[in-house]
């Protein structure tokens, strides 16, 4: 009996955006108008989002390089960030719709001086991260206001007001800077993705 082995070659991955070469977004970013925002952005990213080709946090990082992405889920995963925030909690703001979150306005929290924190995950996983990390609850927390219907269509949303991470960042920063580059990048990213892969959830 002859046994045949199939050699599976690894996919080539872009060293910059970490996506397969055919899905590389670097040219899209290069063609996008620069965005100007001097504040700090931090994103808690669920591990399942790290290599997800439709993830939008990487778009934020590409356009706003000062963004720091913290992969993890449990409190121990974010120990360093937790200690950092504990030194000056009032300098931070967590964008999350908890029941006692204040409504974000044009002056509250003050931007760009406030260091903003977002959670990058599906809604179910985001709730899990929130509950597994009670230290987040002691931070000033804000819910977005004036939310438009989500334009993110290449992943399934359970409600029109559920935004992608990029859209949440854009909504949060819109009171102090022009977020058109972010939204333009999202639009062209979706067209790019739909061209290389049939739409599915």
N, C-alpha and C. Protein backbone atom coordinates (compact mmCIF):
# COMPACT_ATOMS: atom_id res chain seq x y z
N UNK A 1 0.86 -1.19 0.00
CA UNK A 1 0.00 0.00 0.00
C UNK A 1 0.89 1.24 0.00
N UNK A 2 0.57 2.18 -0.84
CA UNK A 2 1.33 3.43 -0.91
C UNK A 2 0.59 4.52 -0.14
N UNK A 3 1.29 5.13 0.78
CA UNK A 3 0.70 6.22 1.57
C UNK A 3 1.18 7.54 1.00
N UNK A 4 0.24 8.39 0.66
CA UNK A 4 0.58 9.70 0.12
C UNK A 4 0.40 10.77 1.19
N UNK A 5 1.37 11.62 1.28
CA UNK A 5 1.31 12.71 2.25
C UNK A 5 1.08 14.03 1.49
N UNK A 6 0.23 14.83 2.05
CA UNK A 6 -0.06 16.13 1.46
C UNK A 6 0.74 17.18 2.22
N UNK A 7 1.57 17.91 1.51
CA UNK A 7 2.37 18.95 2.13
C UNK A 7 1.58 20.25 2.12
N UNK A 8 1.27 20.76 3.29
CA UNK A 8 0.52 22.01 3.41
C UNK A 8 1.51 23.14 3.62
N UNK A 9 1.55 24.05 2.68
CA UNK A 9 2.46 25.18 2.78
C UNK A 9 1.83 26.29 3.61
N UNK A 10 2.58 26.90 4.51
CA UNK A 10 2.03 28.00 5.30
C UNK A 10 1.71 29.19 4.41
N UNK A 11 0.66 29.92 4.76
CA UNK A 11 0.29 31.09 3.98
C UNK A 11 1.27 32.22 4.24
N UNK A 12 1.58 32.97 3.20
CA UNK A 12 2.43 34.13 3.37
C UNK A 12 1.65 35.21 4.11
N UNK A 13 2.28 35.79 5.12
CA UNK A 13 1.62 36.79 5.96
C UNK A 13 2.40 38.10 5.88
N UNK A 14 1.69 39.20 5.75
CA UNK A 14 2.32 40.51 5.72
C UNK A 14 2.97 40.78 7.07
N UNK A 15 4.21 41.22 7.07
CA UNK A 15 4.92 41.47 8.32
C UNK A 15 4.42 42.72 9.04
N UNK A 16 3.69 43.58 8.34
CA UNK A 16 3.22 44.82 8.95
C UNK A 16 1.82 44.67 9.55
N UNK A 17 0.85 44.24 8.74
CA UNK A 17 -0.53 44.14 9.24
C UNK A 17 -0.87 42.76 9.77
N UNK A 18 0.03 41.79 9.55
CA UNK A 18 -0.15 40.43 10.05
C UNK A 18 -1.34 39.71 9.44
N UNK A 19 -1.74 40.12 8.26
CA UNK A 19 -2.81 39.44 7.52
C UNK A 19 -2.20 38.66 6.37
N UNK A 20 -2.91 37.62 5.89
CA UNK A 20 -2.43 36.94 4.68
C UNK A 20 -2.21 37.96 3.57
N UNK A 21 -1.24 37.70 2.73
CA UNK A 21 -0.84 38.69 1.73
C UNK A 21 -2.01 39.14 0.85
N UNK A 22 -2.88 38.22 0.51
CA UNK A 22 -3.99 38.63 -0.38
C UNK A 22 -4.99 39.53 0.35
N UNK A 23 -4.95 39.51 1.69
CA UNK A 23 -5.86 40.36 2.48
C UNK A 23 -5.15 41.57 3.07
N UNK A 24 -3.88 41.76 2.71
CA UNK A 24 -3.06 42.84 3.27
C UNK A 24 -3.77 44.19 3.14
N UNK A 25 -3.76 44.97 4.23
CA UNK A 25 -4.44 46.27 4.24
C UNK A 25 -3.46 47.43 4.18
N UNK A 26 -2.18 47.16 4.04
CA UNK A 26 -1.17 48.22 4.10
C UNK A 26 -1.38 49.28 3.01
N UNK A 27 -1.73 48.85 1.81
CA UNK A 27 -1.95 49.81 0.73
C UNK A 27 -3.18 50.67 1.02
N UNK A 28 -4.22 50.08 1.61
CA UNK A 28 -5.41 50.85 1.98
C UNK A 28 -5.04 51.94 2.98
N UNK A 29 -4.22 51.57 3.96
CA UNK A 29 -3.81 52.54 4.98
C UNK A 29 -2.97 53.64 4.36
N UNK A 30 -2.07 53.27 3.45
CA UNK A 30 -1.20 54.25 2.80
C UNK A 30 -2.00 55.26 1.99
N UNK A 31 -3.13 54.83 1.46
CA UNK A 31 -3.96 55.70 0.63
C UNK A 31 -4.98 56.50 1.44
N UNK A 32 -5.02 56.26 2.75
CA UNK A 32 -5.98 56.95 3.61
C UNK A 32 -5.39 58.25 4.14
N UNK A 33 -6.21 59.26 4.17
CA UNK A 33 -5.79 60.56 4.71
C UNK A 33 -5.32 60.38 6.15
N UNK A 34 -4.19 60.98 6.53
CA UNK A 34 -3.70 60.84 7.91
C UNK A 34 -4.73 61.36 8.91
N UNK A 35 -4.73 60.75 10.08
CA UNK A 35 -5.63 61.20 11.14
C UNK A 35 -4.81 61.80 12.27
N UNK A 36 -5.30 62.90 12.81
CA UNK A 36 -4.54 63.62 13.83
C UNK A 36 -5.25 63.51 15.18
N UNK A 37 -4.62 62.79 16.07
CA UNK A 37 -5.12 62.69 17.45
C UNK A 37 -3.91 62.37 18.33
N UNK A 38 -3.69 63.20 19.34
CA UNK A 38 -2.48 63.07 20.16
C UNK A 38 -2.69 62.26 21.43
N UNK A 39 -3.93 61.89 21.74
CA UNK A 39 -4.20 61.18 22.98
C UNK A 39 -3.84 59.71 22.93
N UNK A 40 -3.82 59.10 24.11
CA UNK A 40 -3.54 57.67 24.22
C UNK A 40 -4.80 56.85 24.00
N UNK A 41 -4.66 55.76 23.28
CA UNK A 41 -5.75 54.81 23.09
C UNK A 41 -5.25 53.43 23.50
N UNK A 42 -6.05 52.73 24.30
CA UNK A 42 -5.72 51.39 24.75
C UNK A 42 -6.90 50.47 24.45
N UNK A 43 -6.61 49.29 23.94
CA UNK A 43 -7.66 48.34 23.56
C UNK A 43 -7.40 47.00 24.21
N UNK A 44 -8.36 46.54 25.04
CA UNK A 44 -8.31 45.17 25.57
C UNK A 44 -8.88 44.27 24.49
N UNK A 45 -8.07 43.35 24.00
CA UNK A 45 -8.49 42.54 22.87
C UNK A 45 -8.63 41.07 23.27
N UNK A 46 -9.82 40.53 23.05
CA UNK A 46 -10.03 39.11 23.32
C UNK A 46 -9.12 38.29 22.41
N UNK A 47 -8.53 37.21 22.92
CA UNK A 47 -7.59 36.40 22.12
C UNK A 47 -8.14 35.94 20.78
N UNK A 48 -9.44 35.69 20.69
CA UNK A 48 -10.01 35.23 19.43
C UNK A 48 -9.99 36.31 18.34
N UNK A 49 -9.80 37.56 18.75
CA UNK A 49 -9.78 38.65 17.79
C UNK A 49 -8.39 38.89 17.19
N UNK A 50 -7.36 38.38 17.83
CA UNK A 50 -5.99 38.69 17.43
C UNK A 50 -5.70 38.36 15.97
N UNK A 51 -6.15 37.21 15.53
CA UNK A 51 -5.85 36.76 14.17
C UNK A 51 -7.09 36.73 13.27
N UNK A 52 -8.14 37.38 13.71
CA UNK A 52 -9.37 37.40 12.92
C UNK A 52 -9.22 38.39 11.78
N UNK A 53 -9.39 37.92 10.57
CA UNK A 53 -9.13 38.76 9.40
C UNK A 53 -10.09 39.96 9.30
N UNK A 54 -11.26 39.87 9.95
CA UNK A 54 -12.22 40.96 9.87
C UNK A 54 -12.14 41.92 11.06
N UNK A 55 -11.17 41.71 11.91
CA UNK A 55 -11.04 42.55 13.11
C UNK A 55 -10.70 43.99 12.72
N UNK A 56 -11.30 44.96 13.41
CA UNK A 56 -11.07 46.37 13.06
C UNK A 56 -10.11 47.08 14.00
N UNK A 57 -9.74 46.46 15.11
CA UNK A 57 -8.78 47.12 16.00
C UNK A 57 -7.45 47.34 15.30
N UNK A 58 -7.07 46.40 14.43
CA UNK A 58 -5.80 46.56 13.70
C UNK A 58 -5.86 47.76 12.76
N UNK A 59 -7.05 48.10 12.27
CA UNK A 59 -7.19 49.29 11.43
C UNK A 59 -6.92 50.54 12.25
N UNK A 60 -7.45 50.56 13.47
CA UNK A 60 -7.22 51.69 14.36
C UNK A 60 -5.72 51.84 14.63
N UNK A 61 -5.07 50.73 14.93
CA UNK A 61 -3.63 50.73 15.22
C UNK A 61 -2.83 51.21 14.01
N UNK A 62 -3.24 50.82 12.81
CA UNK A 62 -2.53 51.24 11.61
C UNK A 62 -2.64 52.74 11.38
N UNK A 63 -3.82 53.30 11.67
CA UNK A 63 -4.04 54.72 11.41
C UNK A 63 -3.60 55.60 12.58
N UNK A 64 -3.68 55.05 13.79
CA UNK A 64 -3.26 55.77 15.00
C UNK A 64 -2.22 54.90 15.71
N UNK A 65 -0.95 55.01 15.31
CA UNK A 65 0.09 54.10 15.80
C UNK A 65 0.32 54.13 17.30
N UNK A 66 -0.14 55.21 17.97
CA UNK A 66 0.04 55.27 19.42
C UNK A 66 -0.90 54.32 20.17
N UNK A 67 -1.84 53.72 19.44
CA UNK A 67 -2.77 52.76 20.06
C UNK A 67 -2.00 51.54 20.58
N UNK A 68 -2.31 51.16 21.81
CA UNK A 68 -1.71 49.97 22.41
C UNK A 68 -2.79 48.91 22.56
N UNK A 69 -2.54 47.74 21.99
CA UNK A 69 -3.49 46.62 22.07
C UNK A 69 -3.00 45.62 23.10
N UNK A 70 -3.87 45.31 24.07
CA UNK A 70 -3.55 44.40 25.16
C UNK A 70 -4.35 43.11 24.98
N UNK A 71 -3.76 42.04 24.46
CA UNK A 71 -4.50 40.78 24.29
C UNK A 71 -4.71 40.07 25.62
N UNK A 72 -5.88 39.50 25.78
CA UNK A 72 -6.15 38.75 27.01
C UNK A 72 -7.63 38.70 27.32
N UNK A 73 -7.94 38.10 28.44
CA UNK A 73 -9.34 37.96 28.87
C UNK A 73 -9.47 38.11 30.38
N UNK A 74 -8.60 37.44 31.15
CA UNK A 74 -8.73 37.44 32.60
C UNK A 74 -7.91 38.57 33.23
N UNK A 75 -8.13 38.77 34.50
CA UNK A 75 -7.45 39.86 35.22
C UNK A 75 -5.94 39.72 35.17
N UNK A 76 -5.45 38.49 35.25
CA UNK A 76 -4.00 38.28 35.24
C UNK A 76 -3.38 38.68 33.90
N UNK A 77 -4.17 38.59 32.83
CA UNK A 77 -3.66 38.96 31.51
C UNK A 77 -3.35 40.45 31.43
N UNK A 78 -4.05 41.23 32.23
CA UNK A 78 -3.91 42.69 32.16
C UNK A 78 -3.26 43.26 33.42
N UNK A 79 -2.47 42.46 34.12
CA UNK A 79 -1.91 42.87 35.42
C UNK A 79 -1.09 44.17 35.29
N UNK A 80 -0.27 44.26 34.26
CA UNK A 80 0.57 45.46 34.11
C UNK A 80 -0.28 46.70 33.87
N UNK A 81 -1.27 46.57 32.98
CA UNK A 81 -2.14 47.71 32.69
C UNK A 81 -2.96 48.09 33.92
N UNK A 82 -3.44 47.10 34.63
CA UNK A 82 -4.22 47.36 35.85
C UNK A 82 -3.40 48.17 36.84
N UNK A 83 -2.14 47.80 37.04
CA UNK A 83 -1.27 48.53 37.98
C UNK A 83 -1.01 49.95 37.48
N UNK A 84 -0.86 50.09 36.18
CA UNK A 84 -0.61 51.40 35.57
C UNK A 84 -1.81 52.34 35.80
N UNK A 85 -3.01 51.81 35.60
CA UNK A 85 -4.21 52.62 35.78
C UNK A 85 -4.42 52.97 37.24
N UNK A 86 -4.10 52.04 38.15
CA UNK A 86 -4.29 52.26 39.58
C UNK A 86 -3.48 53.45 40.10
N UNK A 87 -2.40 53.79 39.41
CA UNK A 87 -1.57 54.91 39.83
C UNK A 87 -2.25 56.25 39.60
N UNK A 88 -3.14 56.30 38.61
CA UNK A 88 -3.80 57.56 38.26
C UNK A 88 -5.14 57.29 37.58
N UNK A 89 -6.09 56.68 38.31
CA UNK A 89 -7.34 56.23 37.67
C UNK A 89 -8.15 57.35 37.03
N UNK A 90 -8.10 58.55 37.58
CA UNK A 90 -8.92 59.63 37.05
C UNK A 90 -8.40 60.16 35.71
N UNK A 91 -7.21 59.71 35.33
CA UNK A 91 -6.66 60.13 34.03
C UNK A 91 -7.15 59.23 32.91
N UNK A 92 -7.95 58.22 33.26
CA UNK A 92 -8.39 57.23 32.29
C UNK A 92 -9.91 57.27 32.13
N UNK A 93 -10.36 56.73 31.02
CA UNK A 93 -11.79 56.58 30.79
C UNK A 93 -12.05 55.31 30.01
N UNK A 94 -12.94 54.47 30.53
CA UNK A 94 -13.28 53.22 29.85
C UNK A 94 -14.59 53.42 29.08
N UNK A 95 -14.55 53.15 27.80
CA UNK A 95 -15.75 53.28 26.96
C UNK A 95 -16.47 51.94 26.97
N UNK A 96 -17.49 51.86 27.81
CA UNK A 96 -18.25 50.60 27.93
C UNK A 96 -19.64 50.94 28.49
N UNK A 97 -20.71 50.37 27.92
CA UNK A 97 -22.07 50.74 28.34
C UNK A 97 -22.54 50.01 29.59
N UNK A 98 -21.82 50.18 30.70
CA UNK A 98 -22.28 49.61 31.96
C UNK A 98 -23.51 50.39 32.44
N UNK A 99 -24.25 49.82 33.39
CA UNK A 99 -25.50 50.46 33.81
C UNK A 99 -25.26 51.82 34.46
N UNK A 100 -24.07 52.02 35.04
CA UNK A 100 -23.80 53.29 35.71
C UNK A 100 -22.79 54.16 34.95
N UNK A 101 -22.54 53.83 33.69
CA UNK A 101 -21.62 54.64 32.89
C UNK A 101 -22.22 56.01 32.61
N UNK A 102 -21.38 57.02 32.69
CA UNK A 102 -21.82 58.37 32.33
C UNK A 102 -21.90 58.48 30.81
N UNK A 103 -22.72 59.39 30.32
CA UNK A 103 -22.80 59.61 28.88
C UNK A 103 -21.62 60.48 28.46
N UNK A 104 -20.89 60.03 27.44
CA UNK A 104 -19.78 60.81 26.95
C UNK A 104 -20.30 62.06 26.24
N UNK A 105 -19.69 63.19 26.56
CA UNK A 105 -20.06 64.46 25.92
C UNK A 105 -18.82 65.07 25.28
N UNK A 106 -18.97 66.26 24.74
CA UNK A 106 -17.83 66.92 24.12
C UNK A 106 -16.75 67.33 25.09
N UNK A 107 -17.10 67.41 26.39
CA UNK A 107 -16.12 67.84 27.39
C UNK A 107 -15.90 66.80 28.50
N UNK A 108 -16.66 65.75 28.48
CA UNK A 108 -16.55 64.73 29.53
C UNK A 108 -16.54 63.33 28.91
N UNK A 109 -15.37 62.66 28.94
CA UNK A 109 -14.10 63.09 29.54
C UNK A 109 -13.38 64.09 28.64
N UNK A 110 -12.48 64.88 29.23
CA UNK A 110 -11.73 65.83 28.40
C UNK A 110 -10.74 65.10 27.49
N UNK A 111 -10.82 65.41 26.22
CA UNK A 111 -9.93 64.79 25.23
C UNK A 111 -9.08 65.88 24.59
N UNK A 112 -7.82 65.57 24.25
CA UNK A 112 -7.20 64.24 24.21
C UNK A 112 -6.44 63.84 25.48
N UNK A 113 -6.60 64.61 26.57
CA UNK A 113 -5.79 64.33 27.76
C UNK A 113 -6.17 63.03 28.45
N UNK A 114 -7.45 62.63 28.37
CA UNK A 114 -7.88 61.38 28.99
C UNK A 114 -7.40 60.19 28.17
N UNK A 115 -6.86 59.18 28.86
CA UNK A 115 -6.41 57.96 28.19
C UNK A 115 -7.62 57.03 28.06
N UNK A 116 -8.02 56.77 26.83
CA UNK A 116 -9.24 56.00 26.59
C UNK A 116 -8.95 54.51 26.47
N UNK A 117 -9.88 53.73 27.02
CA UNK A 117 -9.76 52.27 27.01
C UNK A 117 -11.01 51.67 26.37
N UNK A 118 -10.81 50.78 25.41
CA UNK A 118 -11.92 50.11 24.72
C UNK A 118 -11.75 48.60 24.87
N UNK A 119 -12.85 47.86 24.67
CA UNK A 119 -12.80 46.40 24.67
C UNK A 119 -13.11 45.92 23.26
N UNK A 120 -12.20 45.13 22.72
CA UNK A 120 -12.34 44.61 21.36
C UNK A 120 -12.72 43.13 21.43
N UNK A 121 -13.99 42.85 21.17
CA UNK A 121 -14.50 41.47 21.27
C UNK A 121 -15.91 41.46 20.73
N UNK A 122 -16.46 40.27 20.54
CA UNK A 122 -17.90 40.19 20.28
C UNK A 122 -18.61 40.71 21.51
N UNK A 123 -19.88 41.04 21.38
CA UNK A 123 -20.59 41.58 22.55
C UNK A 123 -20.60 40.59 23.71
N UNK A 124 -20.78 39.32 23.41
CA UNK A 124 -20.79 38.32 24.48
C UNK A 124 -19.43 38.22 25.16
N UNK A 125 -18.36 38.21 24.37
CA UNK A 125 -17.01 38.15 24.93
C UNK A 125 -16.63 39.44 25.64
N UNK A 126 -17.12 40.56 25.15
CA UNK A 126 -16.84 41.84 25.82
C UNK A 126 -17.47 41.87 27.21
N UNK A 127 -18.70 41.37 27.32
CA UNK A 127 -19.34 41.30 28.64
C UNK A 127 -18.55 40.40 29.59
N UNK A 128 -18.01 39.31 29.04
CA UNK A 128 -17.23 38.39 29.86
C UNK A 128 -15.97 39.08 30.37
N UNK A 129 -15.27 39.79 29.48
CA UNK A 129 -14.08 40.53 29.90
C UNK A 129 -14.44 41.54 30.98
N UNK A 130 -15.54 42.23 30.81
CA UNK A 130 -15.99 43.22 31.79
C UNK A 130 -16.21 42.57 33.16
N UNK A 131 -16.86 41.42 33.18
CA UNK A 131 -17.16 40.77 34.45
C UNK A 131 -15.94 40.09 35.07
N UNK A 132 -15.00 39.65 34.24
CA UNK A 132 -13.79 39.01 34.77
C UNK A 132 -12.78 40.03 35.29
N UNK A 133 -13.02 41.30 35.03
CA UNK A 133 -12.06 42.34 35.39
C UNK A 133 -12.73 43.45 36.19
N UNK A 134 -13.05 43.18 37.45
CA UNK A 134 -13.76 44.19 38.26
C UNK A 134 -12.96 45.48 38.47
N UNK A 135 -11.65 45.43 38.25
CA UNK A 135 -10.86 46.66 38.36
C UNK A 135 -11.30 47.69 37.33
N UNK A 136 -11.89 47.24 36.22
CA UNK A 136 -12.40 48.19 35.23
C UNK A 136 -13.55 49.01 35.81
N UNK A 137 -14.29 48.42 36.73
CA UNK A 137 -15.49 49.07 37.26
C UNK A 137 -15.14 50.27 38.13
N UNK A 138 -13.91 50.33 38.62
CA UNK A 138 -13.51 51.45 39.48
C UNK A 138 -12.98 52.63 38.67
N UNK A 139 -12.85 52.43 37.37
CA UNK A 139 -12.43 53.53 36.49
C UNK A 139 -13.62 54.41 36.13
N UNK A 140 -13.40 55.65 35.76
CA UNK A 140 -14.48 56.43 35.15
C UNK A 140 -14.91 55.72 33.86
N UNK A 141 -16.20 55.45 33.73
CA UNK A 141 -16.71 54.73 32.55
C UNK A 141 -17.73 55.58 31.82
N UNK A 142 -17.75 55.45 30.52
CA UNK A 142 -18.61 56.28 29.68
C UNK A 142 -19.30 55.43 28.62
N UNK A 143 -20.53 55.81 28.32
CA UNK A 143 -21.24 55.21 27.19
C UNK A 143 -21.30 56.22 26.07
N UNK A 144 -21.22 55.74 24.84
CA UNK A 144 -21.23 56.62 23.69
C UNK A 144 -22.59 57.28 23.51
N UNK A 145 -22.58 58.49 23.00
CA UNK A 145 -23.83 59.18 22.70
C UNK A 145 -23.90 59.45 21.20
N UNK A 146 -25.08 59.78 20.73
CA UNK A 146 -25.28 60.08 19.30
C UNK A 146 -24.75 58.97 18.40
N UNK A 147 -25.10 57.73 18.74
CA UNK A 147 -24.63 56.59 17.98
C UNK A 147 -25.46 56.41 16.71
N UNK A 148 -24.80 56.40 15.58
CA UNK A 148 -25.47 56.09 14.32
C UNK A 148 -25.52 54.58 14.14
N UNK A 149 -26.37 54.13 13.23
CA UNK A 149 -26.42 52.70 12.94
C UNK A 149 -25.05 52.23 12.45
N UNK A 150 -24.69 51.03 12.86
CA UNK A 150 -23.39 50.48 12.47
C UNK A 150 -23.29 50.34 10.96
N UNK A 151 -22.13 50.71 10.43
CA UNK A 151 -21.86 50.54 9.00
C UNK A 151 -21.06 49.27 8.72
N UNK A 152 -20.65 48.61 9.80
CA UNK A 152 -19.81 47.42 9.68
C UNK A 152 -20.70 46.24 9.30
N UNK A 153 -20.51 45.71 8.10
CA UNK A 153 -21.46 44.72 7.58
C UNK A 153 -20.83 43.36 7.32
N UNK A 154 -19.51 43.23 7.42
CA UNK A 154 -18.89 41.96 7.07
C UNK A 154 -18.81 40.99 8.25
N UNK A 155 -19.29 41.43 9.42
CA UNK A 155 -19.49 40.51 10.54
C UNK A 155 -20.89 40.76 11.09
N UNK A 156 -21.46 39.74 11.65
CA UNK A 156 -22.85 39.82 12.10
C UNK A 156 -22.98 40.66 13.36
N UNK A 157 -23.92 41.62 13.33
CA UNK A 157 -24.31 42.37 14.51
C UNK A 157 -25.69 41.91 14.94
N UNK A 158 -25.93 41.93 16.25
CA UNK A 158 -27.24 41.51 16.75
C UNK A 158 -28.21 42.69 16.84
N UNK A 159 -27.68 43.91 16.73
CA UNK A 159 -28.53 45.10 16.75
C UNK A 159 -27.82 46.21 15.99
N UNK A 160 -28.60 47.14 15.42
CA UNK A 160 -28.03 48.18 14.58
C UNK A 160 -27.06 49.09 15.34
N UNK A 161 -27.29 49.24 16.67
CA UNK A 161 -26.45 50.16 17.44
C UNK A 161 -25.15 49.53 17.93
N UNK A 162 -24.95 48.24 17.65
CA UNK A 162 -23.73 47.57 18.09
C UNK A 162 -22.62 47.86 17.08
N UNK A 163 -21.65 48.63 17.53
CA UNK A 163 -20.60 49.12 16.64
C UNK A 163 -19.38 48.22 16.66
N UNK A 164 -18.63 48.26 15.57
CA UNK A 164 -17.32 47.64 15.57
C UNK A 164 -16.39 48.47 16.46
N UNK A 165 -15.24 47.91 16.80
CA UNK A 165 -14.30 48.65 17.64
C UNK A 165 -13.87 49.94 16.96
N UNK A 166 -13.60 49.88 15.66
CA UNK A 166 -13.21 51.10 14.94
C UNK A 166 -14.31 52.15 15.01
N UNK A 167 -15.56 51.74 14.83
CA UNK A 167 -16.67 52.70 14.87
C UNK A 167 -16.82 53.29 16.26
N UNK A 168 -16.59 52.47 17.30
CA UNK A 168 -16.67 52.97 18.66
C UNK A 168 -15.59 54.02 18.92
N UNK A 169 -14.38 53.75 18.45
CA UNK A 169 -13.29 54.71 18.59
C UNK A 169 -13.63 56.00 17.85
N UNK A 170 -14.13 55.88 16.63
CA UNK A 170 -14.49 57.05 15.83
C UNK A 170 -15.57 57.87 16.52
N UNK A 171 -16.58 57.21 17.03
CA UNK A 171 -17.67 57.90 17.71
C UNK A 171 -17.15 58.63 18.95
N UNK A 172 -16.26 57.99 19.68
CA UNK A 172 -15.72 58.58 20.91
C UNK A 172 -14.85 59.80 20.63
N UNK A 173 -14.09 59.75 19.55
CA UNK A 173 -13.15 60.84 19.25
C UNK A 173 -13.77 61.95 18.42
N UNK A 174 -14.97 61.75 17.93
CA UNK A 174 -15.55 62.66 16.94
C UNK A 174 -15.76 64.08 17.47
N UNK A 175 -15.82 64.24 18.79
CA UNK A 175 -16.06 65.58 19.34
C UNK A 175 -14.80 66.44 19.34
N UNK A 176 -13.63 65.82 19.11
CA UNK A 176 -12.40 66.60 19.21
C UNK A 176 -11.50 66.51 17.99
N UNK A 177 -11.86 65.68 17.02
CA UNK A 177 -11.03 65.56 15.82
C UNK A 177 -11.85 65.03 14.67
N UNK A 178 -11.32 65.17 13.47
CA UNK A 178 -11.99 64.67 12.27
C UNK A 178 -11.74 63.16 12.17
N UNK A 179 -12.80 62.38 12.29
CA UNK A 179 -12.66 60.92 12.25
C UNK A 179 -12.97 60.34 10.87
N UNK A 180 -13.11 61.21 9.88
CA UNK A 180 -13.38 60.75 8.53
C UNK A 180 -12.37 59.71 8.04
N UNK A 181 -11.05 59.90 8.31
CA UNK A 181 -10.10 58.89 7.85
C UNK A 181 -10.39 57.49 8.39
N UNK A 182 -10.78 57.39 9.65
CA UNK A 182 -11.11 56.08 10.22
C UNK A 182 -12.29 55.45 9.49
N UNK A 183 -13.34 56.22 9.31
CA UNK A 183 -14.55 55.68 8.68
C UNK A 183 -14.31 55.38 7.20
N UNK A 184 -13.49 56.20 6.56
CA UNK A 184 -13.15 55.94 5.15
C UNK A 184 -12.34 54.64 5.03
N UNK A 185 -11.41 54.44 5.96
CA UNK A 185 -10.62 53.21 5.94
C UNK A 185 -11.52 51.99 6.16
N UNK A 186 -12.48 52.10 7.08
CA UNK A 186 -13.40 50.99 7.31
C UNK A 186 -14.20 50.69 6.05
N UNK A 187 -14.69 51.71 5.39
CA UNK A 187 -15.48 51.52 4.16
C UNK A 187 -14.66 50.78 3.10
N UNK A 188 -13.44 51.25 2.87
CA UNK A 188 -12.62 50.64 1.82
C UNK A 188 -12.11 49.26 2.23
N UNK A 189 -11.91 49.05 3.54
CA UNK A 189 -11.54 47.72 4.04
C UNK A 189 -12.63 46.71 3.74
N UNK A 190 -13.88 47.11 3.93
CA UNK A 190 -14.99 46.19 3.69
C UNK A 190 -15.13 45.87 2.19
N UNK A 191 -14.96 46.88 1.37
CA UNK A 191 -15.00 46.63 -0.08
C UNK A 191 -13.87 45.70 -0.48
N UNK A 192 -12.69 45.93 0.07
CA UNK A 192 -11.52 45.09 -0.20
C UNK A 192 -11.80 43.65 0.22
N UNK A 193 -12.37 43.47 1.41
CA UNK A 193 -12.63 42.13 1.92
C UNK A 193 -13.68 41.42 1.08
N UNK A 194 -14.71 42.16 0.69
CA UNK A 194 -15.77 41.56 -0.12
C UNK A 194 -15.27 41.16 -1.52
N UNK A 195 -14.23 41.84 -1.98
CA UNK A 195 -13.67 41.50 -3.29
C UNK A 195 -12.84 40.22 -3.26
N UNK A 196 -12.26 39.94 -2.10
CA UNK A 196 -11.38 38.76 -2.03
C UNK A 196 -12.06 37.55 -1.42
N UNK A 197 -13.23 37.75 -0.81
CA UNK A 197 -13.89 36.63 -0.16
C UNK A 197 -15.40 36.84 -0.18
N UNK A 198 -16.17 35.84 -0.51
CA UNK A 198 -17.62 35.97 -0.49
C UNK A 198 -18.09 36.36 0.90
N UNK A 199 -19.11 37.17 0.96
CA UNK A 199 -19.64 37.63 2.23
C UNK A 199 -20.21 36.49 3.04
N UNK A 200 -19.82 36.45 4.30
CA UNK A 200 -20.41 35.50 5.25
C UNK A 200 -20.22 36.05 6.64
N UNK A 201 -20.94 35.51 7.63
CA UNK A 201 -20.87 36.04 8.99
C UNK A 201 -19.78 35.33 9.77
